[in-house]
């Protein structure tokens, strides 16, 4: 039976998982607020403020727009899309 190792508070078994977890020690853990902010930022321009509000389950659209949506310039979004297309083929 393989031994369990604790890495960053997680119990991991394989050498590959331990190596990955160890190499990521300097990377902060992702929390739910980060995921919600990412979702809200990514969907801006794809729907209405009401759509974002519904996805985040807020009672008012302003809450989602003020607290979660991070504005992204169109030129920045275009550059990131081009980079993704280049990297992903």
C-alpha atoms as a PDB file:
ATOM      1  CA  UNK A   1       0.000   0.000   0.000  1.00  0.00           C
ATOM      2  CA  UNK A   2       1.295   3.439  -0.949  1.00  0.00           C
ATOM      3  CA  UNK A   3       2.055   5.912   1.813  1.00  0.00           C
ATOM      4  CA  UNK A   4       0.114   9.153   2.134  1.00  0.00           C
ATOM      5  CA  UNK A   5       2.046  12.422   2.260  1.00  0.00           C
ATOM      6  CA  UNK A   6       0.732  15.777   3.465  1.00  0.00           C
ATOM      7  CA  UNK A   7       1.469  18.622   1.065  1.00  0.00           C
ATOM      8  CA  UNK A   8      -0.101  22.032   1.701  1.00  0.00           C
ATOM      9  CA  UNK A   9      -2.680  20.401   3.937  1.00  0.00           C
ATOM     10  CA  UNK A  10      -3.662  17.830   1.288  1.00  0.00           C
ATOM     11  CA  UNK A  11      -3.040  14.113   1.521  1.00  0.00           C
ATOM     12  CA  UNK A  12      -1.431  12.936  -1.690  1.00  0.00           C
ATOM     13  CA  UNK A  13      -0.201   9.533  -2.761  1.00  0.00           C
ATOM     14  CA  UNK A  14       1.687   9.490  -6.053  1.00  0.00           C
ATOM     15  CA  UNK A  15       5.111  10.939  -6.705  1.00  0.00           C
ATOM     16  CA  UNK A  16       3.660  12.989  -9.573  1.00  0.00           C
ATOM     17  CA  UNK A  17       0.990  14.533  -7.395  1.00  0.00           C
ATOM     18  CA  UNK A  18       3.534  15.250  -4.641  1.00  0.00           C
ATOM     19  CA  UNK A  19       5.879  16.880  -7.156  1.00  0.00           C
ATOM     20  CA  UNK A  20       3.115  19.035  -8.615  1.00  0.00           C
ATOM     21  CA  UNK A  21       1.818  20.063  -5.191  1.00  0.00           C
ATOM     22  CA  UNK A  22       5.345  20.833  -3.982  1.00  0.00           C
ATOM     23  CA  UNK A  23       6.185  22.898  -7.079  1.00  0.00           C
ATOM     24  CA  UNK A  24       3.012  24.930  -6.530  1.00  0.00           C
ATOM     25  CA  UNK A  25       3.791  25.845  -2.923  1.00  0.00           C
ATOM     26  CA  UNK A  26       4.364  29.484  -3.862  1.00  0.00           C
ATOM     27  CA  UNK A  27       1.052  29.713  -5.736  1.00  0.00           C
ATOM     28  CA  UNK A  28      -1.799  30.955  -3.532  1.00  0.00           C
ATOM     29  CA  UNK A  29      -4.768  28.682  -3.087  1.00  0.00           C
ATOM     30  CA  UNK A  30      -7.869  29.583  -5.080  1.00  0.00           C
ATOM     31  CA  UNK A  31     -10.921  30.528  -3.060  1.00  0.00           C
ATOM     32  CA  UNK A  32     -14.575  30.843  -4.004  1.00  0.00           C
ATOM     33  CA  UNK A  33     -14.430  34.641  -4.301  1.00  0.00           C
ATOM     34  CA  UNK A  34     -11.663  34.337  -6.905  1.00  0.00           C
ATOM     35  CA  UNK A  35     -13.792  31.914  -8.901  1.00  0.00           C
ATOM     36  CA  UNK A  36     -16.861  34.162  -8.667  1.00  0.00           C
ATOM     37  CA  UNK A  37     -14.849  37.231  -9.741  1.00  0.00           C
ATOM     38  CA  UNK A  38     -13.378  35.275 -12.670  1.00  0.00           C
ATOM     39  CA  UNK A  39     -16.834  34.121 -13.766  1.00  0.00           C
ATOM     40  CA  UNK A  40     -18.273  37.639 -13.555  1.00  0.00           C
ATOM     41  CA  UNK A  41     -15.337  39.134 -15.436  1.00  0.00           C
ATOM     42  CA  UNK A  42     -15.377  36.496 -18.174  1.00  0.00           C
ATOM     43  CA  UNK A  43     -19.097  36.840 -18.912  1.00  0.00           C
ATOM     44  CA  UNK A  44     -19.114  40.626 -19.152  1.00  0.00           C
ATOM     45  CA  UNK A  45     -20.265  41.601 -22.609  1.00  0.00           C
ATOM     46  CA  UNK A  46     -21.769  38.141 -23.206  1.00  0.00           C
ATOM     47  CA  UNK A  47     -25.049  38.982 -21.530  1.00  0.00           C
ATOM     48  CA  UNK A  48     -26.739  41.567 -19.392  1.00  0.00           C
ATOM     49  CA  UNK A  49     -25.985  42.643 -15.836  1.00  0.00           C
ATOM     50  CA  UNK A  50     -29.115  40.690 -14.900  1.00  0.00           C
ATOM     51  CA  UNK A  51     -27.539  37.515 -16.350  1.00  0.00           C
ATOM     52  CA  UNK A  52     -24.424  37.997 -14.226  1.00  0.00           C
ATOM     53  CA  UNK A  53     -26.598  38.687 -11.192  1.00  0.00           C
ATOM     54  CA  UNK A  54     -28.486  35.443 -11.767  1.00  0.00           C
ATOM     55  CA  UNK A  55     -25.304  33.375 -12.161  1.00  0.00           C
ATOM     56  CA  UNK A  56     -23.879  34.775  -8.934  1.00  0.00           C
ATOM     57  CA  UNK A  57     -27.257  34.524  -7.170  1.00  0.00           C
ATOM     58  CA  UNK A  58     -27.357  38.157  -6.047  1.00  0.00           C
ATOM     59  CA  UNK A  59     -30.621  39.945  -5.314  1.00  0.00           C
ATOM     60  CA  UNK A  60     -29.517  43.133  -7.122  1.00  0.00           C
ATOM     61  CA  UNK A  61     -27.552  43.418 -10.388  1.00  0.00           C
ATOM     62  CA  UNK A  62     -25.486  46.271  -8.922  1.00  0.00           C
ATOM     63  CA  UNK A  63     -23.941  43.958  -6.330  1.00  0.00           C
ATOM     64  CA  UNK A  64     -22.446  41.711  -9.002  1.00  0.00           C
ATOM     65  CA  UNK A  65     -21.281  44.631 -11.130  1.00  0.00           C
ATOM     66  CA  UNK A  66     -19.669  46.553  -8.271  1.00  0.00           C
ATOM     67  CA  UNK A  67     -18.201  43.695  -6.255  1.00  0.00           C
ATOM     68  CA  UNK A  68     -17.254  41.077  -8.831  1.00  0.00           C
ATOM     69  CA  UNK A  69     -16.885  42.341 -12.398  1.00  0.00           C
ATOM     70  CA  UNK A  70     -13.380  43.552 -13.163  1.00  0.00           C
ATOM     71  CA  UNK A  71     -13.420  45.741 -16.290  1.00  0.00           C
ATOM     72  CA  UNK A  72     -11.266  44.462 -19.154  1.00  0.00           C
ATOM     73  CA  UNK A  73     -10.419  46.712 -22.095  1.00  0.00           C
ATOM     74  CA  UNK A  74     -11.473  45.332 -25.478  1.00  0.00           C
ATOM     75  CA  UNK A  75      -7.877  45.555 -26.722  1.00  0.00           C
ATOM     76  CA  UNK A  76      -6.642  43.486 -23.764  1.00  0.00           C
ATOM     77  CA  UNK A  77      -9.362  40.873 -24.267  1.00  0.00           C
ATOM     78  CA  UNK A  78      -8.491  40.703 -27.979  1.00  0.00           C
ATOM     79  CA  UNK A  79      -4.791  40.241 -27.204  1.00  0.00           C
ATOM     80  CA  UNK A  80      -5.531  37.457 -24.721  1.00  0.00           C
ATOM     81  CA  UNK A  81      -7.838  35.756 -27.228  1.00  0.00           C
ATOM     82  CA  UNK A  82      -5.105  35.891 -29.900  1.00  0.00           C
ATOM     83  CA  UNK A  83      -2.539  34.496 -27.467  1.00  0.00           C
ATOM     84  CA  UNK A  84      -4.894  31.662 -26.479  1.00  0.00           C
ATOM     85  CA  UNK A  85      -5.506  30.848 -30.145  1.00  0.00           C
ATOM     86  CA  UNK A  86      -1.758  30.757 -30.801  1.00  0.00           C
ATOM     87  CA  UNK A  87      -1.018  28.564 -27.798  1.00  0.00           C
ATOM     88  CA  UNK A  88      -3.967  26.235 -28.235  1.00  0.00           C
ATOM     89  CA  UNK A  89      -3.671  25.942 -31.990  1.00  0.00           C
END
